[in-house]
Amino acid sequence: MIAIQLCCRSLSIHSHHLHSLPAGPFSSFHFSLSSLSQVVTKKSAQNANQENPVLLNYLINTLEFPKCKALAVSNRYPWVKNVEKVESVVDFFRSIGFTDAQIQSAVRNVPQILLADVEKTLKPKIQLLQELGITGSDLGRLLSTKAIILTRSVEKILKPCIEVLDKVLINGTDNGDWFRVLRRCDWVVHKSPHLRLIPNISYLESIGIVGSQLSSLLKRQPHLFALPESELKKLVSKLIDIGFSTDSRMLVHGLHTLGCISHVSFSRKLLLLQSSGFSQNEFMEMFRRAPSLFRSSEEKIRLGLEFFLETMDLKKSTLVQHPTLLMFSMEDRVIPRYRVIQLIKSKNLTKKEPSFYYVMCLSEHVFLEKYISRFTENAEGLLMAYKGHLLDLGED
């Protein structure tokens, strides 16, 4: 309403100035502005007449909608004269554990569910989701943001899509996988599976992504299964250009990464590595060896590069061969273990310096045993070097 008033005010000002202009081409423009002003005023009056006080008051008083959002919903249904059906929907959602905040969120996203038939429309879809293992609080968490699922046909869309995807998931109803898949991308149950799901699954299987790899990809990046097949093929083609092979088990990890980072993000990480002296070929080699590294933030990669190349003076070739070094936590693993190895070297406790990559890959238990506990006379000092930063935090 404020926007319309401002628009009208602006039009009025322009009209005032145009009155003083000589006749000519501007006169027709003046006429257009006047006509537009009348249209806007008429539209404003129509909107005011469409306000639905019955539904508006219910949303504000029962579901605690902010007035502006309640207006946005109620004005869509000016013909609703009583809230009997709306109340039955709200009561149903409450009966299956939804909080009022979750109901409000679901209605804001998909207002038409307020007028859905509980018995014919909502219950069958809720029961279907419950059969997938989505129950209790998870049901409210899912549908508060993905209520669009409740607008899909059970027989034409939901059941056929679920049947196709259930063959990909392993024990999806027992371990919460269906909740994770739909929470990440409800588009996998938006259309007939013959349009995208089935062609995409067939294509992925044709390039060697099968079994547990296919299941893992669905759980982590379900939106890839809902892409147009041509877009999915473009991503795979890009991976092949980078040097991946369709018979490589790393292909699925590369697809996972390209599926969740933008072209801009990918390019910025390339520039970051180039600024540290790596060539484009070295960047591609690192990507082939550890695609998941490039899902890390630029800041994490930058801090890792600074530490390994400047503080440790590690050769670039080592990072090209072992890019997973940049994936370890600097604070919890890399720097503490580096301090321990430096202390061991300064005290000449070992004859041969171990490979730092080997040290990084050791489990916590093996590292403590191999590089701290075995040196009984120096164990306390080594442990302080390793865990001292945690002790300092505890004292604070």
Protein backbone atom coordinates (compact mmCIF):
# COMPACT_ATOMS: atom_id res chain seq x y z
CA MET A 1 0.00 0.00 0.00
CA ILE A 2 2.89 2.36 0.90
CA ALA A 3 4.59 1.56 -2.42
CA ILE A 4 1.37 2.40 -4.29
CA GLN A 5 0.95 5.68 -2.40
CA LEU A 6 4.53 6.67 -3.20
CA CYS A 7 4.01 5.73 -6.82
CA CYS A 8 0.88 7.87 -7.03
CA ARG A 9 2.63 10.75 -5.27
CA SER A 10 5.49 10.52 -7.75
CA LEU A 11 3.06 10.46 -10.66
CA SER A 12 1.28 13.51 -9.26
CA ILE A 13 4.55 15.45 -9.04
CA HIS A 14 5.48 14.55 -12.60
CA SER A 15 2.01 15.57 -13.81
CA HIS A 16 2.32 18.95 -12.08
CA HIS A 17 5.58 19.72 -13.87
CA LEU A 18 4.32 18.51 -17.21
CA HIS A 19 1.41 20.98 -17.12
CA SER A 20 3.89 23.82 -17.71
CA LEU A 21 5.42 22.18 -20.79
CA PRO A 22 4.48 23.39 -24.27
CA ALA A 23 2.26 21.24 -26.42
CA GLY A 24 4.08 18.62 -28.40
CA PRO A 25 5.36 15.09 -27.83
CA PHE A 26 5.24 15.54 -24.05
CA SER A 27 1.49 16.08 -24.08
CA SER A 28 0.84 12.43 -24.99
CA PHE A 29 3.34 11.38 -22.31
CA HIS A 30 1.40 13.48 -19.79
CA PHE A 31 -1.77 11.68 -20.83
CA SER A 32 -0.06 8.29 -20.31
CA LEU A 33 1.06 9.24 -16.82
CA SER A 34 -2.43 10.39 -15.88
CA SER A 35 -3.92 7.14 -17.18
CA LEU A 36 -1.34 5.10 -15.26
CA SER A 37 -2.10 7.04 -12.09
CA GLN A 38 -5.79 6.20 -12.47
CA VAL A 39 -4.99 2.49 -13.01
CA VAL A 40 -2.79 2.37 -9.90
CA THR A 41 -5.47 4.11 -7.81
CA LYS A 42 -8.12 1.70 -9.08
CA LYS A 43 -5.89 -1.30 -8.37
CA SER A 44 -5.27 -0.01 -4.85
CA ALA A 45 -9.00 0.23 -4.24
CA GLN A 46 -9.53 -3.29 -5.57
CA ASN A 47 -6.85 -4.68 -3.24
CA ALA A 48 -8.48 -2.94 -0.30
CA ASN A 49 -11.83 -4.51 -1.23
CA GLN A 50 -10.19 -7.97 -1.40
CA GLU A 51 -9.00 -7.95 2.20
CA ASN A 52 -10.40 -10.91 4.11
CA PRO A 53 -10.83 -9.90 7.77
CA VAL A 54 -12.07 -13.35 8.84
CA LEU A 55 -8.98 -15.19 7.65
CA LEU A 56 -6.70 -12.28 8.54
CA ASN A 57 -7.82 -12.25 12.18
CA TYR A 58 -7.53 -16.03 12.45
CA LEU A 59 -3.94 -16.01 11.19
CA ILE A 60 -2.96 -13.20 13.55
CA ASN A 61 -4.79 -14.42 16.65
CA THR A 62 -4.37 -18.19 16.32
CA LEU A 63 -1.05 -18.66 14.52
CA GLU A 64 0.52 -15.35 15.59
CA PHE A 65 1.26 -14.21 12.05
CA PRO A 66 2.77 -10.73 11.72
CA LYS A 67 0.05 -8.56 10.18
CA CYS A 68 1.90 -7.91 6.91
CA LYS A 69 2.40 -11.65 6.32
CA ALA A 70 -1.15 -12.46 7.39
CA LEU A 71 -2.40 -9.92 4.84
CA ALA A 72 -0.28 -11.50 2.11
CA VAL A 73 -1.92 -14.87 2.76
CA SER A 74 -5.51 -13.78 3.52
CA ASN A 75 -5.77 -11.45 0.51
CA ARG A 76 -5.25 -14.43 -1.76
CA TYR A 77 -8.52 -15.96 -0.60
CA PRO A 78 -11.15 -13.20 -0.46
CA TRP A 79 -13.96 -15.75 -0.97
CA VAL A 80 -13.28 -17.57 2.33
CA LYS A 81 -16.12 -16.51 4.64
CA ASN A 82 -15.43 -18.80 7.60
CA VAL A 83 -12.39 -20.60 8.97
CA GLU A 84 -13.91 -24.00 9.63
CA LYS A 85 -11.78 -25.73 6.99
CA VAL A 86 -8.69 -23.76 7.99
CA GLU A 87 -9.19 -24.79 11.61
CA SER A 88 -9.42 -28.46 10.63
CA VAL A 89 -6.08 -28.18 8.80
CA VAL A 90 -4.38 -26.44 11.73
CA ASP A 91 -5.83 -28.95 14.21
CA PHE A 92 -4.58 -31.82 12.05
CA PHE A 93 -1.04 -30.46 11.91
CA ARG A 94 -1.04 -29.90 15.66
CA SER A 95 -2.30 -33.46 16.23
CA ILE A 96 0.76 -34.92 14.43
CA GLY A 97 3.23 -32.82 16.41
CA PHE A 98 3.70 -29.61 14.44
CA THR A 99 4.43 -26.51 16.48
CA ASP A 100 2.52 -23.32 15.67
CA ALA A 101 5.77 -21.83 14.35
CA GLN A 102 6.16 -24.76 11.95
CA ILE A 103 2.54 -24.44 10.80
CA GLN A 104 3.05 -20.71 10.25
CA SER A 105 6.20 -21.36 8.20
CA ALA A 106 4.48 -24.03 6.09
CA VAL A 107 1.50 -21.73 5.39
CA ARG A 108 3.72 -18.79 4.46
CA ASN A 109 5.56 -20.99 1.94
CA VAL A 110 2.49 -22.77 0.54
CA PRO A 111 -0.71 -20.87 1.53
CA GLN A 112 -3.02 -23.24 -0.36
CA ILE A 113 -2.51 -26.01 2.21
CA LEU A 114 -4.80 -24.02 4.52
CA LEU A 115 -7.72 -24.96 2.32
CA ALA A 116 -6.70 -28.58 1.67
CA ASP A 117 -9.02 -31.48 2.48
CA VAL A 118 -7.53 -33.19 5.53
CA GLU A 119 -8.89 -36.67 4.82
CA LYS A 120 -8.45 -36.78 1.05
CA THR A 121 -5.35 -34.65 0.54
CA LEU A 122 -3.22 -34.24 3.64
CA LYS A 123 -3.54 -37.53 5.51
CA PRO A 124 -2.49 -39.81 2.61
CA LYS A 125 0.65 -37.73 2.01
CA ILE A 126 1.55 -37.54 5.69
CA GLN A 127 1.11 -41.31 6.00
CA LEU A 128 3.36 -41.83 2.99
CA LEU A 129 6.10 -39.71 4.58
CA GLN A 130 5.71 -41.56 7.87
CA GLU A 131 6.17 -44.86 6.03
CA LEU A 132 9.51 -43.50 4.83
CA GLY A 133 10.61 -43.11 8.44
CA ILE A 134 9.91 -39.37 8.65
CA THR A 135 8.02 -39.13 11.90
CA GLY A 136 7.73 -37.06 15.07
CA SER A 137 9.61 -33.79 15.13
CA ASP A 138 11.32 -34.57 11.81
CA LEU A 139 7.97 -34.35 10.04
CA GLY A 140 7.40 -30.79 11.26
CA ARG A 141 11.00 -29.79 10.51
CA LEU A 142 10.69 -31.08 6.95
CA LEU A 143 7.28 -29.70 6.02
CA SER A 144 7.79 -26.32 7.67
CA THR A 145 10.13 -25.54 4.74
CA LYS A 146 9.08 -28.15 2.17
CA ALA A 147 5.28 -27.99 2.38
CA ILE A 148 5.16 -27.96 -1.42
CA ILE A 149 5.41 -31.77 -1.13
CA LEU A 150 1.82 -31.73 0.14
CA THR A 151 0.65 -30.30 -3.20
CA ARG A 152 2.00 -33.23 -5.26
CA SER A 153 -0.26 -36.08 -6.40
CA VAL A 154 0.23 -39.26 -4.36
CA GLU A 155 -0.45 -41.67 -7.21
CA LYS A 156 1.03 -39.72 -10.13
CA ILE A 157 4.10 -38.14 -8.53
CA LEU A 158 4.99 -39.08 -4.95
CA LYS A 159 4.66 -42.88 -5.03
CA PRO A 160 6.36 -43.34 -8.44
CA CYS A 161 9.28 -41.06 -7.45
CA ILE A 162 9.67 -42.78 -4.08
CA GLU A 163 9.64 -46.20 -5.72
CA VAL A 164 12.48 -45.19 -8.06
CA LEU A 165 14.60 -43.49 -5.39
CA ASP A 166 14.04 -46.22 -2.81
CA LYS A 167 15.91 -48.62 -5.09
CA VAL A 168 18.91 -46.29 -4.94
CA LEU A 169 18.87 -45.69 -1.18
CA ILE A 170 20.03 -48.51 1.07
CA ASN A 171 17.72 -48.97 4.08
CA GLY A 172 16.55 -45.39 3.61
CA THR A 173 13.51 -45.82 5.85
CA ASP A 174 15.59 -47.11 8.76
CA ASN A 175 18.44 -44.60 9.03
CA GLY A 176 16.88 -41.21 8.30
CA ASP A 177 18.13 -41.00 4.71
CA TRP A 178 14.73 -40.03 3.31
CA PHE A 179 14.52 -37.10 5.70
CA ARG A 180 17.98 -35.88 4.65
CA VAL A 181 17.25 -36.28 0.93
CA LEU A 182 13.94 -34.41 0.99
CA ARG A 183 15.25 -31.74 3.37
CA ARG A 184 18.09 -31.03 0.96
CA CYS A 185 16.05 -31.17 -2.23
CA ASP A 186 12.31 -31.74 -2.44
CA TRP A 187 12.53 -31.33 -6.22
CA VAL A 188 13.23 -35.07 -6.51
CA VAL A 189 9.52 -35.66 -5.84
CA HIS A 190 8.08 -32.77 -7.86
CA LYS A 191 7.59 -34.35 -11.28
CA SER A 192 7.01 -37.71 -12.89
CA PRO A 193 10.18 -39.83 -12.43
CA HIS A 194 10.21 -40.50 -16.17
CA LEU A 195 11.09 -36.85 -16.85
CA ARG A 196 14.37 -36.62 -14.92
CA LEU A 197 14.96 -39.20 -12.19
CA ILE A 198 14.97 -42.33 -14.34
CA PRO A 199 17.05 -40.83 -17.21
CA ASN A 200 19.60 -39.35 -14.77
CA ILE A 201 19.96 -42.56 -12.76
CA SER A 202 20.44 -44.56 -15.97
CA TYR A 203 23.08 -42.09 -17.17
CA LEU A 204 24.98 -42.12 -13.86
CA GLU A 205 24.99 -45.92 -13.86
CA SER A 206 26.28 -45.91 -17.45
CA ILE A 207 29.38 -43.96 -16.37
CA GLY A 208 30.14 -46.30 -13.49
CA ILE A 209 28.41 -44.56 -10.57
CA VAL A 210 26.48 -47.49 -9.13
CA GLY A 211 25.59 -49.16 -5.83
CA SER A 212 26.86 -47.44 -2.71
CA GLN A 213 28.40 -44.57 -4.73
CA LEU A 214 25.06 -43.79 -6.35
CA SER A 215 23.31 -44.03 -2.99
CA SER A 216 25.88 -41.74 -1.37
CA LEU A 217 25.52 -39.16 -4.16
CA LEU A 218 21.74 -39.14 -3.75
CA LYS A 219 22.05 -38.55 0.00
CA ARG A 220 24.62 -35.78 -0.37
CA GLN A 221 23.57 -34.02 -3.59
CA PRO A 222 19.97 -35.04 -4.42
CA HIS A 223 19.50 -31.97 -6.60
CA LEU A 224 21.78 -33.58 -9.21
CA PHE A 225 19.08 -36.21 -9.77
CA ALA A 226 16.51 -33.48 -10.48
CA LEU A 227 18.62 -31.62 -13.04
CA PRO A 228 17.76 -31.72 -16.74
CA GLU A 229 19.79 -34.62 -18.12
CA SER A 230 21.69 -32.24 -20.42
CA GLU A 231 22.90 -30.21 -17.40
CA LEU A 232 24.08 -33.35 -15.60
CA LYS A 233 25.99 -34.43 -18.70
CA LYS A 234 27.66 -31.00 -18.88
CA LEU A 235 29.00 -31.45 -15.33
CA VAL A 236 30.39 -34.89 -16.17
CA SER A 237 31.89 -33.55 -19.40
CA LYS A 238 33.67 -30.85 -17.41
CA LEU A 239 35.12 -33.50 -15.09
CA ILE A 240 36.37 -35.52 -18.05
CA ASP A 241 38.01 -32.36 -19.45
CA ILE A 242 39.78 -31.92 -16.08
CA GLY A 243 41.16 -35.45 -16.42
CA PHE A 244 38.74 -37.73 -14.59
CA SER A 245 38.01 -41.13 -16.07
CA THR A 246 34.58 -42.76 -16.11
CA ASP A 247 36.16 -45.87 -14.62
CA SER A 248 37.67 -43.91 -11.71
CA ARG A 249 36.07 -44.16 -8.28
CA MET A 250 37.00 -40.49 -7.80
CA LEU A 251 34.52 -39.41 -10.48
CA VAL A 252 31.59 -39.42 -8.06
CA HIS A 253 33.54 -37.23 -5.61
CA GLY A 254 34.32 -34.78 -8.39
CA LEU A 255 30.65 -34.68 -9.37
CA HIS A 256 29.66 -34.11 -5.75
CA THR A 257 32.00 -31.12 -5.56
CA LEU A 258 31.03 -29.55 -8.88
CA GLY A 259 27.41 -30.04 -7.92
CA CYS A 260 27.67 -27.94 -4.77
CA ILE A 261 30.07 -25.11 -5.66
CA SER A 262 29.53 -22.36 -8.19
CA HIS A 263 31.72 -21.69 -11.21
CA VAL A 264 32.79 -18.45 -9.51
CA SER A 265 33.88 -20.29 -6.36
CA PHE A 266 35.79 -22.86 -8.41
CA SER A 267 37.57 -20.09 -10.34
CA ARG A 268 38.44 -18.15 -7.18
CA LYS A 269 40.10 -21.23 -5.67
CA LEU A 270 42.08 -21.71 -8.86
CA LEU A 271 43.28 -18.09 -8.62
CA LEU A 272 44.13 -18.59 -4.93
CA LEU A 273 46.40 -21.54 -5.73
CA GLN A 274 47.94 -19.75 -8.67
CA SER A 275 48.75 -16.79 -6.42
CA SER A 276 50.72 -19.25 -4.26
CA GLY A 277 52.74 -20.43 -7.23
CA PHE A 278 50.77 -23.44 -8.43
CA SER A 279 50.16 -23.88 -12.15
CA GLN A 280 46.75 -24.63 -13.61
CA ASN A 281 47.89 -28.20 -14.32
CA GLU A 282 48.94 -28.60 -10.67
CA PHE A 283 45.55 -27.25 -9.59
CA MET A 284 43.79 -29.81 -11.80
CA GLU A 285 46.00 -32.58 -10.40
CA MET A 286 45.08 -31.55 -6.86
CA PHE A 287 41.41 -31.49 -7.79
CA ARG A 288 41.60 -34.99 -9.28
CA ARG A 289 43.31 -36.33 -6.16
CA ALA A 290 41.07 -34.59 -3.59
CA PRO A 291 37.91 -33.08 -5.09
CA SER A 292 36.40 -32.60 -1.64
CA LEU A 293 39.19 -30.14 -0.75
CA PHE A 294 37.54 -27.60 -3.02
CA ARG A 295 34.36 -27.67 -0.99
CA SER A 296 36.41 -26.07 1.80
CA SER A 297 36.29 -22.31 2.24
CA GLU A 298 38.83 -20.06 0.56
CA GLU A 299 39.97 -18.92 4.00
CA LYS A 300 40.74 -22.47 5.15
CA ILE A 301 42.70 -23.21 1.98
CA ARG A 302 44.59 -19.90 2.25
CA LEU A 303 45.60 -20.52 5.88
CA GLY A 304 46.77 -24.01 4.98
CA LEU A 305 48.85 -22.76 2.07
CA GLU A 306 50.48 -20.09 4.25
CA PHE A 307 51.38 -22.58 6.97
CA PHE A 308 52.68 -25.40 4.78
CA LEU A 309 54.55 -23.25 2.25
CA GLU A 310 55.83 -20.45 4.52
CA THR A 311 56.03 -21.75 8.10
CA MET A 312 56.96 -25.34 7.28
CA ASP A 313 58.68 -24.53 3.99
CA LEU A 314 57.04 -27.61 2.49
CA LYS A 315 57.59 -28.20 -1.21
CA LYS A 316 54.69 -27.43 -3.49
CA SER A 317 55.09 -30.86 -5.04
CA THR A 318 54.19 -32.42 -1.67
CA LEU A 319 50.86 -30.57 -1.62
CA VAL A 320 50.22 -31.52 -5.24
CA GLN A 321 50.81 -35.18 -4.34
CA HIS A 322 48.94 -34.96 -1.03
CA PRO A 323 46.33 -32.16 -1.27
CA THR A 324 44.37 -33.75 1.59
CA LEU A 325 46.93 -32.09 3.90
CA LEU A 326 44.99 -28.88 3.31
CA MET A 327 41.80 -30.54 4.55
CA PHE A 328 43.03 -31.31 8.08
CA SER A 329 42.14 -28.95 10.90
CA MET A 330 44.98 -26.48 11.36
CA GLU A 331 44.17 -25.80 14.99
CA ASP A 332 43.37 -29.33 16.17
CA ARG A 333 45.74 -31.47 14.11
CA VAL A 334 48.27 -29.80 11.82
CA ILE A 335 49.88 -27.22 14.13
CA PRO A 336 49.86 -29.39 17.31
CA ARG A 337 51.46 -32.36 15.52
CA TYR A 338 53.95 -30.07 13.83
CA ARG A 339 55.02 -28.76 17.27
CA VAL A 340 55.50 -32.31 18.56
CA ILE A 341 57.63 -33.35 15.57
CA GLN A 342 59.73 -30.19 15.90
CA LEU A 343 60.33 -30.94 19.60
CA ILE A 344 61.28 -34.55 18.82
CA LYS A 345 63.75 -33.31 16.20
CA SER A 346 65.30 -30.75 18.57
CA LYS A 347 65.89 -33.45 21.19
CA ASN A 348 67.14 -36.00 18.64
CA LEU A 349 64.68 -38.58 19.92
CA THR A 350 64.45 -40.40 16.57
CA LYS A 351 67.09 -41.34 14.04
CA LYS A 352 64.92 -40.58 11.03
CA GLU A 353 62.45 -37.75 10.55
CA PRO A 354 59.03 -39.15 9.63
CA SER A 355 57.04 -38.06 6.61
CA PHE A 356 54.77 -35.23 7.72
CA TYR A 357 51.97 -36.59 5.56
CA TYR A 358 52.31 -39.95 7.35
CA VAL A 359 52.15 -38.18 10.71
CA MET A 360 49.03 -36.24 9.68
CA CYS A 361 47.18 -39.38 8.63
CA LEU A 362 47.71 -41.28 11.88
CA SER A 363 44.71 -41.78 14.15
CA GLU A 364 44.76 -39.94 17.47
CA HIS A 365 45.45 -43.15 19.42
CA VAL A 366 48.36 -44.24 17.19
CA PHE A 367 49.90 -40.75 17.13
CA LEU A 368 49.89 -40.49 20.94
CA GLU A 369 51.42 -43.93 21.26
CA LYS A 370 54.05 -43.50 18.55
CA TYR A 371 55.18 -39.93 19.17
CA ILE A 372 54.40 -39.15 22.80
CA SER A 373 53.88 -42.15 25.12
CA ARG A 374 56.92 -44.10 23.89
CA PHE A 375 59.26 -41.28 24.92
CA THR A 376 58.64 -41.71 28.65
CA GLU A 377 61.23 -39.17 29.84
CA ASN A 378 59.90 -36.48 27.51
CA ALA A 379 56.24 -37.50 27.41
CA GLU A 380 55.05 -34.61 29.59
CA GLY A 381 56.78 -31.97 27.47
CA LEU A 382 55.59 -33.57 24.24
CA LEU A 383 52.04 -33.73 25.55
CA MET A 384 52.21 -30.05 26.49
CA ALA A 385 53.40 -29.24 22.98
CA TYR A 386 50.49 -31.25 21.59
CA LYS A 387 47.64 -30.27 23.90
CA GLY A 388 48.94 -27.11 25.55
CA HIS A 389 46.67 -24.86 23.48
CA LEU A 390 43.65 -26.72 24.88
CA LEU A 391 44.93 -26.35 28.45
CA ASP A 392 45.34 -22.61 27.90
CA LEU A 393 41.76 -22.36 26.68
CA GLY A 394 40.58 -24.29 29.75
CA GLU A 395 42.33 -21.84 32.10
CA ASP A 396 40.65 -18.89 30.36
